[in-house]
Protein backbone atom coordinates (compact mmCIF):
# COMPACT_ATOMS: atom_id res chain seq x y z
CA MET A 1 -93.68 71.03 20.25
CA LYS A 2 -91.78 69.88 16.84
CA ASN A 3 -93.54 67.76 14.68
CA ASN A 4 -96.38 65.76 16.06
CA ASN A 5 -97.97 64.86 12.46
CA LYS A 6 -96.75 60.80 12.16
CA VAL A 7 -99.00 61.01 16.00
CA LEU A 8 -101.71 63.46 14.09
CA SER A 9 -101.91 60.65 12.14
CA LEU A 10 -101.55 57.72 13.50
CA VAL A 11 -103.71 59.01 15.96
CA GLY A 12 -106.62 59.35 12.45
CA LEU A 13 -106.70 55.42 12.14
CA ALA A 14 -106.41 54.45 15.58
CA THR A 15 -109.82 56.72 15.23
CA LYS A 16 -111.07 55.29 11.87
CA ALA A 17 -110.71 51.37 13.82
CA GLY A 18 -112.37 52.60 16.26
CA LYS A 19 -109.56 52.40 18.92
CA ILE A 20 -110.29 56.17 20.03
CA ALA A 21 -112.21 58.17 22.98
CA SER A 22 -112.46 61.74 22.20
CA GLY A 23 -113.81 64.39 24.78
CA GLU A 24 -113.54 65.15 28.34
CA PHE A 25 -116.37 62.49 29.41
CA SER A 26 -115.28 59.42 27.21
CA THR A 27 -111.55 60.03 27.84
CA GLU A 28 -111.58 60.15 31.96
CA LYS A 29 -114.18 56.79 31.67
CA SER A 30 -111.70 55.35 29.10
CA VAL A 31 -108.67 56.36 32.07
CA LYS A 32 -110.38 54.92 34.83
CA THR A 33 -112.19 51.55 33.10
CA GLY A 34 -108.24 51.04 32.29
CA LYS A 35 -109.23 50.77 28.51
CA GLY A 36 -106.83 54.49 28.16
CA PHE A 37 -103.35 53.27 27.07
CA LEU A 38 -102.11 56.35 25.93
CA VAL A 39 -104.61 60.03 26.48
CA LEU A 40 -102.87 63.07 24.50
CA VAL A 41 -104.26 66.09 25.75
CA ALA A 42 -104.08 69.62 23.03
CA ALA A 43 -101.58 71.83 24.26
CA ASP A 44 -104.06 74.40 24.45
CA ALA A 45 -106.69 73.21 26.44
CA SER A 46 -107.12 75.23 29.74
CA GLU A 47 -105.35 74.99 32.95
CA ASN A 48 -108.12 72.62 34.78
CA THR A 49 -108.71 70.61 31.96
CA ARG A 50 -104.60 69.72 31.90
CA LYS A 51 -104.06 69.35 35.87
CA LYS A 52 -107.26 67.26 35.89
CA PHE A 53 -106.36 64.67 33.65
CA SER A 54 -102.06 64.95 34.39
CA ASN A 55 -103.52 64.49 38.56
CA MET A 56 -105.44 61.37 36.70
CA CYS A 57 -103.16 59.84 34.38
CA GLU A 58 -100.34 60.30 37.52
CA PHE A 59 -103.18 58.14 39.69
CA TYR A 60 -103.35 55.42 37.55
CA GLU A 61 -100.58 54.99 35.36
CA VAL A 62 -101.18 56.03 32.24
CA PRO A 63 -98.99 57.79 29.79
CA ILE A 64 -100.52 61.32 29.17
CA TYR A 65 -98.53 64.18 26.77
CA PHE A 66 -99.55 67.31 25.46
CA ILE A 67 -99.62 67.85 22.08
CA ALA A 68 -101.01 69.88 19.23
CA ASN A 69 -104.26 71.91 19.58
CA LYS A 70 -107.51 71.41 19.84
CA GLU A 71 -108.71 71.80 16.15
CA GLU A 72 -105.69 69.56 15.24
CA LEU A 73 -106.33 67.11 17.38
CA GLY A 74 -110.49 67.87 16.26
CA LYS A 75 -109.79 67.52 13.30
CA PHE A 76 -107.51 63.84 13.68
CA CYS A 77 -110.41 62.41 14.93
CA GLY A 78 -113.09 63.31 12.93
CA LYS A 79 -115.19 66.21 15.46
CA GLU A 80 -114.12 69.93 15.37
CA PHE A 81 -112.09 70.30 18.26
CA ARG A 82 -111.08 68.11 21.27
CA ALA A 83 -109.24 69.27 24.08
CA SER A 84 -108.12 65.82 25.04
CA LEU A 85 -108.87 61.50 23.73
CA ALA A 86 -107.54 58.27 24.96
CA VAL A 87 -106.40 55.90 22.87
CA GLN A 88 -108.04 52.61 23.32
CA ASP A 89 -105.42 50.61 21.65
CA GLU A 90 -101.78 49.33 23.08
CA ASN A 91 -99.94 49.02 20.23
CA PHE A 92 -101.11 52.51 18.99
CA ALA A 93 -100.17 53.81 21.52
CA LYS A 94 -96.62 52.30 22.03
CA ALA A 95 -96.39 53.59 18.05
CA MET A 96 -97.83 57.35 19.04
CA MET A 97 -94.91 56.32 22.30
CA LYS A 98 -92.00 56.16 20.83
CA GLU A 99 -93.20 59.49 18.05
CA LEU A 100 -93.83 61.35 20.67
CA ALA A 101 -90.11 59.91 22.34
CA LYS A 102 -88.56 61.48 19.19
CA THR A 103 -89.61 64.10 18.89
CA GLU A 104 -88.94 65.90 22.78
CA LYS A 105 -85.50 65.39 22.37
């Protein structure tokens, strides 16, 4: 878990563009309706939450990453705390995954 700043600022931009579904219910709905291109879950989310989204994303073949913490995720999507969010724009999702791939190496 190194530098997620670029990813988080992309989350901020995507939020302003109205391309983020945040919160457990919205994230789930986004994935199940095929609107979510990428799911980000806070690294400090509960074991239950992480497992639920891992399984769901695997089933629906949506990439999932565990980054930052609930406070940071929330801050960048304009909320207090967010354990999960779905990116509903393919280009934002690709840009974030590109950054995430860099930090994973």
